[in-house]
């Protein structure tokens, strides 16, 4: 490892915590969420967002909980899903019309 990489890892450790602790917490969280009965009904955007939120929560709980970027990132990922749903139009989800995984073409060209 280069000195620059070591310096970067030391800096990240201050805000993100120990990588092994973070990785364990994040992976266990994602494994639990994947057991949810609606997981396979999520769009790719929704699933990735939840996984990234789990990643950010892992950093909060193993690193610095007062590092503002962690919280801003969570809000940003949630906003991306909100934008996806806006692009897909308003739907009545109460009747089971839940967005499923889209092809790239369907995502980029909503009907």
C-alpha atoms as a PDB file:
ATOM      1  CA  UNK A   1       0.000   0.000   0.000  1.00  0.00           C
ATOM      2  CA  UNK A   2       1.209   3.460  -0.757  1.00  0.00           C
ATOM      3  CA  UNK A   3       1.629   6.161   1.834  1.00  0.00           C
ATOM      4  CA  UNK A   4      -1.194   8.098   0.140  1.00  0.00           C
ATOM      5  CA  UNK A   5      -3.539   5.125   0.471  1.00  0.00           C
ATOM      6  CA  UNK A   6      -2.594   4.633   4.129  1.00  0.00           C
ATOM      7  CA  UNK A   7      -3.266   8.312   4.806  1.00  0.00           C
ATOM      8  CA  UNK A   8      -6.646   8.108   3.075  1.00  0.00           C
ATOM      9  CA  UNK A   9      -7.622   4.977   5.034  1.00  0.00           C
ATOM     10  CA  UNK A  10      -6.599   6.616   8.320  1.00  0.00           C
ATOM     11  CA  UNK A  11      -8.714   9.674   7.527  1.00  0.00           C
ATOM     12  CA  UNK A  12     -11.720   7.580   6.489  1.00  0.00           C
ATOM     13  CA  UNK A  13     -11.381   5.532   9.658  1.00  0.00           C
ATOM     14  CA  UNK A  14     -12.102   8.659  11.706  1.00  0.00           C
ATOM     15  CA  UNK A  15     -15.514   9.153  10.101  1.00  0.00           C
ATOM     16  CA  UNK A  16     -16.395   5.654   8.851  1.00  0.00           C
ATOM     17  CA  UNK A  17     -15.070   3.499  11.685  1.00  0.00           C
ATOM     18  CA  UNK A  18     -13.208   0.215  11.397  1.00  0.00           C
ATOM     19  CA  UNK A  19     -13.899  -1.424   8.062  1.00  0.00           C
ATOM     20  CA  UNK A  20     -14.374  -4.932   9.463  1.00  0.00           C
ATOM     21  CA  UNK A  21     -16.970  -3.719  11.999  1.00  0.00           C
ATOM     22  CA  UNK A  22     -18.745  -1.664   9.370  1.00  0.00           C
ATOM     23  CA  UNK A  23     -18.735  -4.510   6.847  1.00  0.00           C
ATOM     24  CA  UNK A  24     -20.155  -7.006   9.336  1.00  0.00           C
ATOM     25  CA  UNK A  25     -22.942  -4.682  10.458  1.00  0.00           C
ATOM     26  CA  UNK A  26     -23.857  -3.635   6.928  1.00  0.00           C
ATOM     27  CA  UNK A  27     -23.885  -7.160   5.491  1.00  0.00           C
ATOM     28  CA  UNK A  28     -26.021  -8.476   8.343  1.00  0.00           C
ATOM     29  CA  UNK A  29     -28.493  -5.615   7.868  1.00  0.00           C
ATOM     30  CA  UNK A  30     -28.758  -6.262   4.133  1.00  0.00           C
ATOM     31  CA  UNK A  31     -29.184 -10.013   4.658  1.00  0.00           C
ATOM     32  CA  UNK A  32     -32.075  -9.315   7.026  1.00  0.00           C
ATOM     33  CA  UNK A  33     -33.725  -6.853   4.651  1.00  0.00           C
ATOM     34  CA  UNK A  34     -33.448  -9.317   1.758  1.00  0.00           C
ATOM     35  CA  UNK A  35     -35.730 -11.638   3.729  1.00  0.00           C
ATOM     36  CA  UNK A  36     -38.552  -9.098   3.517  1.00  0.00           C
ATOM     37  CA  UNK A  37     -41.525 -10.485   1.618  1.00  0.00           C
ATOM     38  CA  UNK A  38     -41.600  -7.442  -0.681  1.00  0.00           C
ATOM     39  CA  UNK A  39     -37.852  -7.310  -1.423  1.00  0.00           C
ATOM     40  CA  UNK A  40     -38.212  -8.911  -4.862  1.00  0.00           C
ATOM     41  CA  UNK A  41     -40.911  -6.413  -5.794  1.00  0.00           C
ATOM     42  CA  UNK A  42     -38.559  -3.458  -5.401  1.00  0.00           C
ATOM     43  CA  UNK A  43     -37.186  -1.754  -8.472  1.00  0.00           C
ATOM     44  CA  UNK A  44     -33.425  -1.896  -8.877  1.00  0.00           C
ATOM     45  CA  UNK A  45     -33.310   1.749  -7.799  1.00  0.00           C
ATOM     46  CA  UNK A  46     -35.294   1.018  -4.634  1.00  0.00           C
ATOM     47  CA  UNK A  47     -33.223  -2.052  -3.755  1.00  0.00           C
ATOM     48  CA  UNK A  48     -29.916  -0.271  -4.348  1.00  0.00           C
ATOM     49  CA  UNK A  49     -31.095   2.699  -2.335  1.00  0.00           C
ATOM     50  CA  UNK A  50     -31.964   0.524   0.650  1.00  0.00           C
ATOM     51  CA  UNK A  51     -28.601  -1.219   0.400  1.00  0.00           C
ATOM     52  CA  UNK A  52     -26.796   2.118   0.261  1.00  0.00           C
ATOM     53  CA  UNK A  53     -28.800   3.374   3.239  1.00  0.00           C
ATOM     54  CA  UNK A  54     -27.746   0.228   5.133  1.00  0.00           C
ATOM     55  CA  UNK A  55     -24.159   1.045   4.140  1.00  0.00           C
ATOM     56  CA  UNK A  56     -24.469   4.625   5.406  1.00  0.00           C
ATOM     57  CA  UNK A  57     -26.152   3.520   8.653  1.00  0.00           C
ATOM     58  CA  UNK A  58     -23.271   1.090   9.147  1.00  0.00           C
ATOM     59  CA  UNK A  59     -20.857   4.013   8.875  1.00  0.00           C
ATOM     60  CA  UNK A  60     -22.921   6.040  11.342  1.00  0.00           C
ATOM     61  CA  UNK A  61     -22.992   3.219  13.891  1.00  0.00           C
ATOM     62  CA  UNK A  62     -19.357   2.167  13.534  1.00  0.00           C
ATOM     63  CA  UNK A  63     -17.844   5.572  12.800  1.00  0.00           C
ATOM     64  CA  UNK A  64     -18.743   9.156  13.591  1.00  0.00           C
ATOM     65  CA  UNK A  65     -22.515   9.593  14.043  1.00  0.00           C
ATOM     66  CA  UNK A  66     -22.072  13.361  13.822  1.00  0.00           C
ATOM     67  CA  UNK A  67     -20.467  13.297  10.367  1.00  0.00           C
ATOM     68  CA  UNK A  68     -23.056  15.265   8.387  1.00  0.00           C
ATOM     69  CA  UNK A  69     -22.197  13.661   5.024  1.00  0.00           C
ATOM     70  CA  UNK A  70     -23.543  10.287   6.204  1.00  0.00           C
ATOM     71  CA  UNK A  71     -26.966  11.809   6.877  1.00  0.00           C
ATOM     72  CA  UNK A  72     -26.944  13.875   3.691  1.00  0.00           C
ATOM     73  CA  UNK A  73     -26.128  10.759   1.663  1.00  0.00           C
ATOM     74  CA  UNK A  74     -29.109   8.898   3.162  1.00  0.00           C
ATOM     75  CA  UNK A  75     -31.397  11.787   2.244  1.00  0.00           C
ATOM     76  CA  UNK A  76     -29.929  11.865  -1.266  1.00  0.00           C
ATOM     77  CA  UNK A  77     -30.515   8.169  -1.886  1.00  0.00           C
ATOM     78  CA  UNK A  78     -34.104   8.445  -0.636  1.00  0.00           C
ATOM     79  CA  UNK A  79     -34.625  11.398  -2.986  1.00  0.00           C
ATOM     80  CA  UNK A  80     -33.453   9.301  -5.935  1.00  0.00           C
ATOM     81  CA  UNK A  81     -36.231   6.775  -5.262  1.00  0.00           C
ATOM     82  CA  UNK A  82     -38.736   9.597  -4.933  1.00  0.00           C
ATOM     83  CA  UNK A  83     -37.620  10.903  -8.333  1.00  0.00           C
ATOM     84  CA  UNK A  84     -37.922   7.412  -9.824  1.00  0.00           C
ATOM     85  CA  UNK A  85     -41.493   7.168  -8.587  1.00  0.00           C
ATOM     86  CA  UNK A  86     -42.278  10.629  -9.949  1.00  0.00           C
ATOM     87  CA  UNK A  87     -40.938   9.586 -13.375  1.00  0.00           C
ATOM     88  CA  UNK A  88     -43.072   6.462 -13.309  1.00  0.00           C
ATOM     89  CA  UNK A  89     -46.138   8.555 -12.512  1.00  0.00           C
ATOM     90  CA  UNK A  90     -48.563   8.381  -9.692  1.00  0.00           C
ATOM     91  CA  UNK A  91     -49.904   4.873  -9.147  1.00  0.00           C
ATOM     92  CA  UNK A  92     -52.354   3.406  -6.694  1.00  0.00           C
ATOM     93  CA  UNK A  93     -50.060   1.153  -4.691  1.00  0.00           C
ATOM     94  CA  UNK A  94     -52.830   0.223  -2.271  1.00  0.00           C
ATOM     95  CA  UNK A  95     -54.158  -2.358  -4.743  1.00  0.00           C
ATOM     96  CA  UNK A  96     -50.867  -4.177  -5.171  1.00  0.00           C
ATOM     97  CA  UNK A  97     -49.746  -2.177  -8.219  1.00  0.00           C
ATOM     98  CA  UNK A  98     -46.186  -2.068  -6.927  1.00  0.00           C
ATOM     99  CA  UNK A  99     -43.302  -1.174  -9.253  1.00  0.00           C
ATOM    100  CA  UNK A 100     -41.224  -4.197 -10.116  1.00  0.00           C
ATOM    101  CA  UNK A 101     -37.745  -4.359 -11.546  1.00  0.00           C
ATOM    102  CA  UNK A 102     -37.494  -2.479 -14.815  1.00  0.00           C
ATOM    103  CA  UNK A 103     -35.342  -2.988 -17.843  1.00  0.00           C
ATOM    104  CA  UNK A 104     -32.987  -0.119 -18.623  1.00  0.00           C
ATOM    105  CA  UNK A 105     -35.222   0.812 -21.554  1.00  0.00           C
ATOM    106  CA  UNK A 106     -38.361   0.886 -19.392  1.00  0.00           C
ATOM    107  CA  UNK A 107     -36.610   2.934 -16.716  1.00  0.00           C
ATOM    108  CA  UNK A 108     -35.290   5.490 -19.181  1.00  0.00           C
ATOM    109  CA  UNK A 109     -38.536   5.712 -21.148  1.00  0.00           C
ATOM    110  CA  UNK A 110     -41.461   5.483 -18.712  1.00  0.00           C
ATOM    111  CA  UNK A 111     -44.873   5.165 -20.304  1.00  0.00           C
END
